[in-house]
């Protein structure tokens, strides 16, 4: 009996259990990788900090739908940062 036949005969609940353990493992035992801030991110944050409080800021959100998963969190963070400085944001 080959390994593929054994896998086909295996009860699917065992596969779900194995998948659950593989997903829960990093949640229970995090890898502890360092989080570093890159130079462009630091420069952007400092540029937003230099904007005077109460300024009016034009924020462009015209990105491609394929870039949405990457751009929306960054846009929200920048928006919150500007609102925290009491800036009027024009989108």
C-alpha atoms as a PDB file:
ATOM      1  CA  UNK A   1       0.000   0.000   0.000  1.00  0.00           C
ATOM      2  CA  UNK A   2       1.514   3.340  -1.056  1.00  0.00           C
ATOM      3  CA  UNK A   3       1.527   6.450   1.122  1.00  0.00           C
ATOM      4  CA  UNK A   4      -1.125   8.073  -1.049  1.00  0.00           C
ATOM      5  CA  UNK A   5      -3.502   5.166  -0.498  1.00  0.00           C
ATOM      6  CA  UNK A   6      -2.878   5.341   3.242  1.00  0.00           C
ATOM      7  CA  UNK A   7      -3.577   9.055   3.169  1.00  0.00           C
ATOM      8  CA  UNK A   8      -6.836   8.464   1.299  1.00  0.00           C
ATOM      9  CA  UNK A   9      -7.974   5.931   3.896  1.00  0.00           C
ATOM     10  CA  UNK A  10      -7.073   8.200   6.807  1.00  0.00           C
ATOM     11  CA  UNK A  11     -10.082   9.646   8.605  1.00  0.00           C
ATOM     12  CA  UNK A  12     -10.348  13.345   7.761  1.00  0.00           C
ATOM     13  CA  UNK A  13     -10.796  14.261  11.435  1.00  0.00           C
ATOM     14  CA  UNK A  14      -7.135  13.350  11.976  1.00  0.00           C
ATOM     15  CA  UNK A  15      -6.161  15.732   9.181  1.00  0.00           C
ATOM     16  CA  UNK A  16      -8.229  18.506  10.770  1.00  0.00           C
ATOM     17  CA  UNK A  17      -6.573  17.820  14.120  1.00  0.00           C
ATOM     18  CA  UNK A  18      -3.096  17.984  12.574  1.00  0.00           C
ATOM     19  CA  UNK A  19      -3.960  21.199  10.715  1.00  0.00           C
ATOM     20  CA  UNK A  20      -5.397  22.725  13.896  1.00  0.00           C
ATOM     21  CA  UNK A  21      -2.220  21.903  15.822  1.00  0.00           C
ATOM     22  CA  UNK A  22      -0.049  23.348  13.051  1.00  0.00           C
ATOM     23  CA  UNK A  23      -2.063  26.579  13.065  1.00  0.00           C
ATOM     24  CA  UNK A  24      -2.275  26.848  16.873  1.00  0.00           C
ATOM     25  CA  UNK A  25       1.413  26.068  17.423  1.00  0.00           C
ATOM     26  CA  UNK A  26       2.796  29.512  16.488  1.00  0.00           C
ATOM     27  CA  UNK A  27      -0.037  31.185  18.408  1.00  0.00           C
ATOM     28  CA  UNK A  28       0.855  29.323  21.607  1.00  0.00           C
ATOM     29  CA  UNK A  29       4.630  29.405  21.086  1.00  0.00           C
ATOM     30  CA  UNK A  30       5.491  32.595  19.142  1.00  0.00           C
ATOM     31  CA  UNK A  31       8.779  32.666  17.279  1.00  0.00           C
ATOM     32  CA  UNK A  32       9.859  35.941  18.892  1.00  0.00           C
ATOM     33  CA  UNK A  33      11.227  37.503  15.724  1.00  0.00           C
ATOM     34  CA  UNK A  34      12.436  41.089  16.120  1.00  0.00           C
ATOM     35  CA  UNK A  35      10.301  43.856  14.650  1.00  0.00           C
ATOM     36  CA  UNK A  36      12.422  46.553  13.082  1.00  0.00           C
ATOM     37  CA  UNK A  37      11.385  49.893  11.615  1.00  0.00           C
ATOM     38  CA  UNK A  38      12.918  50.585   8.221  1.00  0.00           C
ATOM     39  CA  UNK A  39      14.417  53.940   7.242  1.00  0.00           C
ATOM     40  CA  UNK A  40      11.591  54.907   4.802  1.00  0.00           C
ATOM     41  CA  UNK A  41       8.952  54.240   7.463  1.00  0.00           C
ATOM     42  CA  UNK A  42      10.870  56.265  10.017  1.00  0.00           C
ATOM     43  CA  UNK A  43      11.290  59.126   7.512  1.00  0.00           C
ATOM     44  CA  UNK A  44       7.545  59.118   6.722  1.00  0.00           C
ATOM     45  CA  UNK A  45       6.661  59.180  10.410  1.00  0.00           C
ATOM     46  CA  UNK A  46       9.041  62.086  11.016  1.00  0.00           C
ATOM     47  CA  UNK A  47       7.594  63.968   8.013  1.00  0.00           C
ATOM     48  CA  UNK A  48       4.078  63.599   9.418  1.00  0.00           C
ATOM     49  CA  UNK A  49       5.340  64.742  12.825  1.00  0.00           C
ATOM     50  CA  UNK A  50       6.754  67.920  11.231  1.00  0.00           C
ATOM     51  CA  UNK A  51       3.320  68.936   9.895  1.00  0.00           C
ATOM     52  CA  UNK A  52       1.976  71.746  12.104  1.00  0.00           C
ATOM     53  CA  UNK A  53      -1.041  70.895  14.244  1.00  0.00           C
ATOM     54  CA  UNK A  54      -4.342  71.957  12.690  1.00  0.00           C
ATOM     55  CA  UNK A  55      -3.034  71.947   9.109  1.00  0.00           C
ATOM     56  CA  UNK A  56      -5.079  70.835   6.131  1.00  0.00           C
ATOM     57  CA  UNK A  57      -3.594  67.766   4.469  1.00  0.00           C
ATOM     58  CA  UNK A  58      -4.533  66.244   1.105  1.00  0.00           C
ATOM     59  CA  UNK A  59      -4.357  62.451   1.305  1.00  0.00           C
ATOM     60  CA  UNK A  60      -4.437  60.468  -1.929  1.00  0.00           C
ATOM     61  CA  UNK A  61      -6.038  57.019  -1.755  1.00  0.00           C
ATOM     62  CA  UNK A  62      -6.153  56.162  -5.467  1.00  0.00           C
ATOM     63  CA  UNK A  63      -4.375  52.822  -5.460  1.00  0.00           C
ATOM     64  CA  UNK A  64      -5.081  49.735  -7.520  1.00  0.00           C
ATOM     65  CA  UNK A  65      -7.458  47.071  -6.123  1.00  0.00           C
ATOM     66  CA  UNK A  66      -4.634  44.546  -6.187  1.00  0.00           C
ATOM     67  CA  UNK A  67      -2.639  46.773  -3.809  1.00  0.00           C
ATOM     68  CA  UNK A  68      -5.559  47.185  -1.378  1.00  0.00           C
ATOM     69  CA  UNK A  69      -4.469  44.535   1.176  1.00  0.00           C
ATOM     70  CA  UNK A  70      -1.105  46.232   1.540  1.00  0.00           C
ATOM     71  CA  UNK A  71      -2.146  49.880   1.241  1.00  0.00           C
ATOM     72  CA  UNK A  72      -5.297  50.063   3.393  1.00  0.00           C
ATOM     73  CA  UNK A  73      -3.554  49.378   6.740  1.00  0.00           C
ATOM     74  CA  UNK A  74      -0.871  51.964   5.941  1.00  0.00           C
ATOM     75  CA  UNK A  75      -3.507  54.489   4.838  1.00  0.00           C
ATOM     76  CA  UNK A  76      -5.515  53.992   8.025  1.00  0.00           C
ATOM     77  CA  UNK A  77      -2.412  54.388  10.170  1.00  0.00           C
ATOM     78  CA  UNK A  78      -1.393  57.605   8.431  1.00  0.00           C
ATOM     79  CA  UNK A  79      -4.990  58.883   8.668  1.00  0.00           C
ATOM     80  CA  UNK A  80      -5.126  58.203  12.422  1.00  0.00           C
ATOM     81  CA  UNK A  81      -1.731  59.845  12.886  1.00  0.00           C
ATOM     82  CA  UNK A  82      -2.931  62.986  11.097  1.00  0.00           C
ATOM     83  CA  UNK A  83      -6.196  63.061  13.048  1.00  0.00           C
ATOM     84  CA  UNK A  84      -4.192  62.726  16.266  1.00  0.00           C
ATOM     85  CA  UNK A  85      -2.455  65.976  15.305  1.00  0.00           C
ATOM     86  CA  UNK A  86      -5.881  67.667  14.799  1.00  0.00           C
ATOM     87  CA  UNK A  87      -5.216  68.010  11.072  1.00  0.00           C
ATOM     88  CA  UNK A  88      -8.055  68.428   8.620  1.00  0.00           C
ATOM     89  CA  UNK A  89      -7.660  65.592   6.147  1.00  0.00           C
ATOM     90  CA  UNK A  90      -9.021  65.876   2.600  1.00  0.00           C
ATOM     91  CA  UNK A  91      -9.298  62.474   0.919  1.00  0.00           C
END
